[in-house]
Structure formats: C-alpha cells, structure tokens
Amino acid sequence: MNMLSRLFFPVIVALVSVFFFGTAEAGSPKKMVKQGEAYYALGRFNEAVAEFNLAIAEDSRYQQAYYARGKAFYEQQKFREAIADYDKAIELKNDCARAFYHRGLAWEALQEYTRAAADYDSAIAVRHEYEKALFARGALRYKLDDRSGALDDMKRAAALGSTKASEWLAEEGTR
C-alpha cells in the first residue's frame, strides 16, 4: 500500500461507516462505539465523545467505550478526563496494554513523568513487544536523562519494526 493510500484509507473507511450506519443512537453499544470511532477517524471528536457517551449510558461496563472516549478526550487535550476513562477501562480489563499506554501519554502531557513511566512499564509488562510503549518509554527516559534506558528501549522498539525508534537511533543514539 503506497503512502497516499495509507493516509486516506482510514478516512475512507470512516466516511463509508458514517454513510452506511448513520447515527447509532438506536443501535447497540458496540455499534455506537463503531460510529464514535468513525467520527474519531474524521477528527470529529465532539461527535465521537457523544457516541461513546451513548454507548456508556447503554452499558456502563463496556470497556471499549471508555478506552475510545479516553482517546477522543486526549485529542481534545482534556487529559484529566482521558485519564479517568483509561482508569475505568483498566478497571474493567486490567490487561489492556493500550489503555496503560494511552494513559501514560496523558500523564506525560500533564508532565507527570513518574506516572507516565509506570503506565508505560505496565503496558510493556502486559505486552512485551509493544513497540509504541517501548518508544514512548524510551523517549521519556531520554528526556529524564536516562540515556542507557532510552537506548535499550529504542533498540527493542526498532527491532520490532518501529520506524520512529530507528530514526531516533540514527539521530540521537550515536551521541
């Protein structure tokens, strides 16, 4: 798949989903989350949050709705709200590496580096080969002057196929 296709494919999928499914108010929580994810892919975060809210109102134990709403809140720079949703997602499914990783990003955005590092550690403990979490933890370690830890994480992430980690190693890893 060429670069242009990779950029536009999620948008095309989202548009088709919005066209075929319309609003998911009368549907199941799963359909509401799918609709919210379609809005999210289009950058329509308010509509995405509204769909996730509907899903949560229908089923307050639907973990994916909290996780997805947390991502939308994060994109709106509502980091505390995002963290609260990731907390709930983790409470409902304590082995959700993605929720730990995304909560770590939110903590880092708030400059709560100890909490961010703990969440990246948890994400990696759940999924040992989670290249995004390894990259994020490596970047945080570098920011906190742990050069050795940063280098280890970046090497692991690059070995797993992270282009960002490979680029980081080419630029920063030789210093």
Protein backbone atom coordinates (compact mmCIF):
# COMPACT_ATOMS: atom_id res chain seq x y z
CA MET A 1 0.00 0.00 0.00
CA ASN A 2 1.55 3.31 -1.02
CA MET A 3 1.87 6.29 1.32
CA LEU A 4 -1.18 8.13 -0.05
CA SER A 5 -3.35 5.05 0.34
CA ARG A 6 -2.20 4.56 3.93
CA LEU A 7 -3.09 8.16 4.75
CA PHE A 8 -6.54 8.15 3.19
CA PHE A 9 -7.68 4.58 3.90
CA PRO A 10 -8.85 5.31 7.50
CA VAL A 11 -10.73 8.39 6.31
CA ILE A 12 -12.43 6.44 3.52
CA VAL A 13 -13.41 3.68 5.96
CA ALA A 14 -14.80 6.27 8.35
CA LEU A 15 -16.81 8.01 5.63
CA VAL A 16 -18.27 4.73 4.41
CA SER A 17 -19.13 3.81 8.01
CA VAL A 18 -20.87 7.15 8.63
CA PHE A 19 -22.75 6.85 5.32
CA PHE A 20 -23.95 3.29 5.89
CA PHE A 21 -24.55 3.34 9.63
CA GLY A 22 -25.66 6.94 10.16
CA THR A 23 -26.06 7.74 13.81
CA ALA A 24 -26.02 4.76 16.12
CA GLU A 25 -28.48 6.06 18.74
CA ALA A 26 -30.92 3.19 18.25
CA GLY A 27 -28.18 0.58 17.99
CA SER A 28 -26.18 -1.49 20.37
CA PRO A 29 -23.28 -0.10 22.42
CA LYS A 30 -20.91 -1.88 20.03
CA LYS A 31 -22.43 -0.06 17.06
CA MET A 32 -22.29 3.22 18.95
CA VAL A 33 -18.59 2.72 19.61
CA LYS A 34 -18.01 1.85 15.93
CA GLN A 35 -19.82 5.06 14.97
CA GLY A 36 -17.75 7.01 17.50
CA GLU A 37 -14.58 5.51 16.09
CA ALA A 38 -15.66 6.62 12.62
CA TYR A 39 -16.13 10.18 13.88
CA TYR A 40 -12.77 9.94 15.67
CA ALA A 41 -11.04 8.92 12.42
CA LEU A 42 -12.51 12.03 10.78
CA GLY A 43 -11.26 14.26 13.60
CA ARG A 44 -14.81 14.96 14.76
CA PHE A 45 -14.04 14.41 18.42
CA ASN A 46 -17.15 16.04 19.88
CA GLU A 47 -19.39 13.71 17.86
CA ALA A 48 -17.16 10.78 18.80
CA VAL A 49 -17.50 11.59 22.50
CA ALA A 50 -21.27 11.88 22.10
CA GLU A 51 -21.44 8.38 20.58
CA PHE A 52 -19.20 6.94 23.29
CA ASN A 53 -21.40 8.60 25.91
CA LEU A 54 -24.43 6.87 24.40
CA ALA A 55 -22.64 3.52 24.49
CA ILE A 56 -21.68 4.01 28.14
CA ALA A 57 -25.24 5.03 29.00
CA GLU A 58 -26.44 1.76 27.43
CA ASP A 59 -23.75 -0.41 29.04
CA SER A 60 -21.66 1.10 31.81
CA ARG A 61 -19.38 -1.96 31.80
CA TYR A 62 -18.40 -1.73 28.11
CA GLN A 63 -14.64 -1.30 28.39
CA GLN A 64 -14.04 -0.33 24.76
CA ALA A 65 -16.33 2.70 25.11
CA TYR A 66 -14.26 4.12 27.98
CA TYR A 67 -11.00 3.43 26.16
CA ALA A 68 -12.23 5.04 22.95
CA ARG A 69 -13.71 8.06 24.74
CA GLY A 70 -10.40 8.49 26.56
CA LYS A 71 -8.62 8.69 23.21
CA ALA A 72 -11.07 11.33 22.00
CA PHE A 73 -10.64 13.34 25.20
CA TYR A 74 -6.86 13.10 24.77
CA GLU A 75 -7.13 14.53 21.25
CA GLN A 76 -9.15 17.42 22.69
CA GLN A 77 -6.37 17.94 25.25
CA LYS A 78 -8.75 17.03 28.06
CA PHE A 79 -6.08 14.95 29.73
CA ARG A 80 -7.71 14.52 33.15
CA GLU A 81 -10.94 13.28 31.54
CA ALA A 82 -8.91 10.94 29.34
CA ILE A 83 -7.10 9.56 32.39
CA ALA A 84 -10.40 8.97 34.20
CA ASP A 85 -11.66 6.98 31.21
CA TYR A 86 -8.44 4.97 30.94
CA ASP A 87 -8.72 4.26 34.67
CA LYS A 88 -12.19 2.84 34.12
CA ALA A 89 -11.07 0.88 31.05
CA ILE A 90 -8.25 -0.66 33.09
CA GLU A 91 -10.60 -1.37 35.99
CA LEU A 92 -12.85 -3.30 33.59
CA LYS A 93 -9.96 -5.06 31.80
CA ASN A 94 -6.72 -4.91 33.75
CA ASP A 95 -4.63 -6.44 30.98
CA CYS A 96 -5.40 -3.77 28.38
CA ALA A 97 -1.92 -2.69 27.31
CA ARG A 98 -3.34 0.02 25.04
CA ALA A 99 -5.17 1.69 27.94
CA PHE A 100 -1.98 1.73 30.04
CA TYR A 101 -0.02 3.15 27.10
CA HIS A 102 -2.55 5.87 26.33
CA ARG A 103 -2.93 6.79 29.99
CA GLY A 104 0.86 7.13 30.06
CA LEU A 105 0.68 9.57 27.16
CA ALA A 106 -1.91 11.63 29.05
CA TRP A 107 0.21 11.66 32.22
CA GLU A 108 3.20 12.71 30.16
CA ALA A 109 1.19 15.55 28.60
CA LEU A 110 0.50 16.73 32.15
CA GLN A 111 4.23 16.42 32.94
CA GLU A 112 3.51 13.69 35.49
CA TYR A 113 6.54 11.72 34.36
CA THR A 114 6.67 9.17 37.19
CA ARG A 115 3.07 8.16 36.50
CA ALA A 116 3.69 8.11 32.75
CA ALA A 117 6.71 5.83 33.19
CA ALA A 118 4.73 3.49 35.44
CA ASP A 119 2.00 3.19 32.82
CA TYR A 120 4.48 2.54 30.00
CA ASP A 121 6.04 -0.14 32.23
CA SER A 122 2.59 -1.68 32.79
CA ALA A 123 1.80 -1.65 29.07
CA ILE A 124 5.09 -3.41 28.32
CA ALA A 125 4.55 -5.90 31.16
CA VAL A 126 1.21 -6.86 29.62
CA ARG A 127 2.52 -6.90 26.04
CA HIS A 128 6.28 -7.37 25.96
CA GLU A 129 6.63 -6.45 22.30
CA TYR A 130 4.56 -3.26 22.37
CA GLU A 131 6.73 -1.07 20.18
CA LYS A 132 4.76 2.16 20.74
CA ALA A 133 5.05 1.81 24.51
CA LEU A 134 8.75 0.97 24.22
CA PHE A 135 9.30 4.03 22.04
CA ALA A 136 7.32 6.29 24.41
CA ARG A 137 9.16 4.97 27.46
CA GLY A 138 12.48 5.36 25.67
CA ALA A 139 11.70 8.95 24.71
CA LEU A 140 10.65 9.70 28.28
CA ARG A 141 13.79 8.09 29.67
CA TYR A 142 15.87 10.23 27.32
CA LYS A 143 14.00 13.36 28.44
CA LEU A 144 14.78 12.38 32.05
CA ASP A 145 18.50 11.84 31.25
CA ASP A 146 18.39 8.03 31.48
CA ARG A 147 20.42 7.59 28.30
CA SER A 148 21.13 3.90 28.86
CA GLY A 149 17.48 3.02 29.46
CA ALA A 150 16.41 5.15 26.50
CA LEU A 151 18.88 3.41 24.22
CA ASP A 152 17.74 -0.05 25.35
CA ASP A 153 14.07 0.78 24.74
CA MET A 154 14.74 2.36 21.36
CA LYS A 155 16.78 -0.65 20.24
CA ARG A 156 13.96 -3.01 21.28
CA ALA A 157 11.33 -0.86 19.56
CA ALA A 158 13.42 -0.61 16.38
CA ALA A 159 13.95 -4.38 16.36
CA LEU A 160 10.17 -4.74 16.46
CA GLY A 161 9.80 -2.51 13.40
CA SER A 162 9.34 0.98 14.84
CA THR A 163 10.39 3.46 12.19
CA LYS A 164 10.35 6.26 14.77
CA ALA A 165 12.74 4.32 17.00
CA SER A 166 15.06 3.59 14.08
CA GLU A 167 15.08 7.28 13.16
CA TRP A 168 15.73 8.21 16.80
CA LEU A 169 18.65 5.78 16.97
CA ALA A 170 20.14 7.20 13.77
CA GLU A 171 19.92 10.73 15.16
CA GLU A 172 20.23 10.52 18.94
CA GLY A 173 21.60 7.05 19.58
CA THR A 174 25.10 7.95 18.46
CA ARG A 175 25.52 10.91 20.85
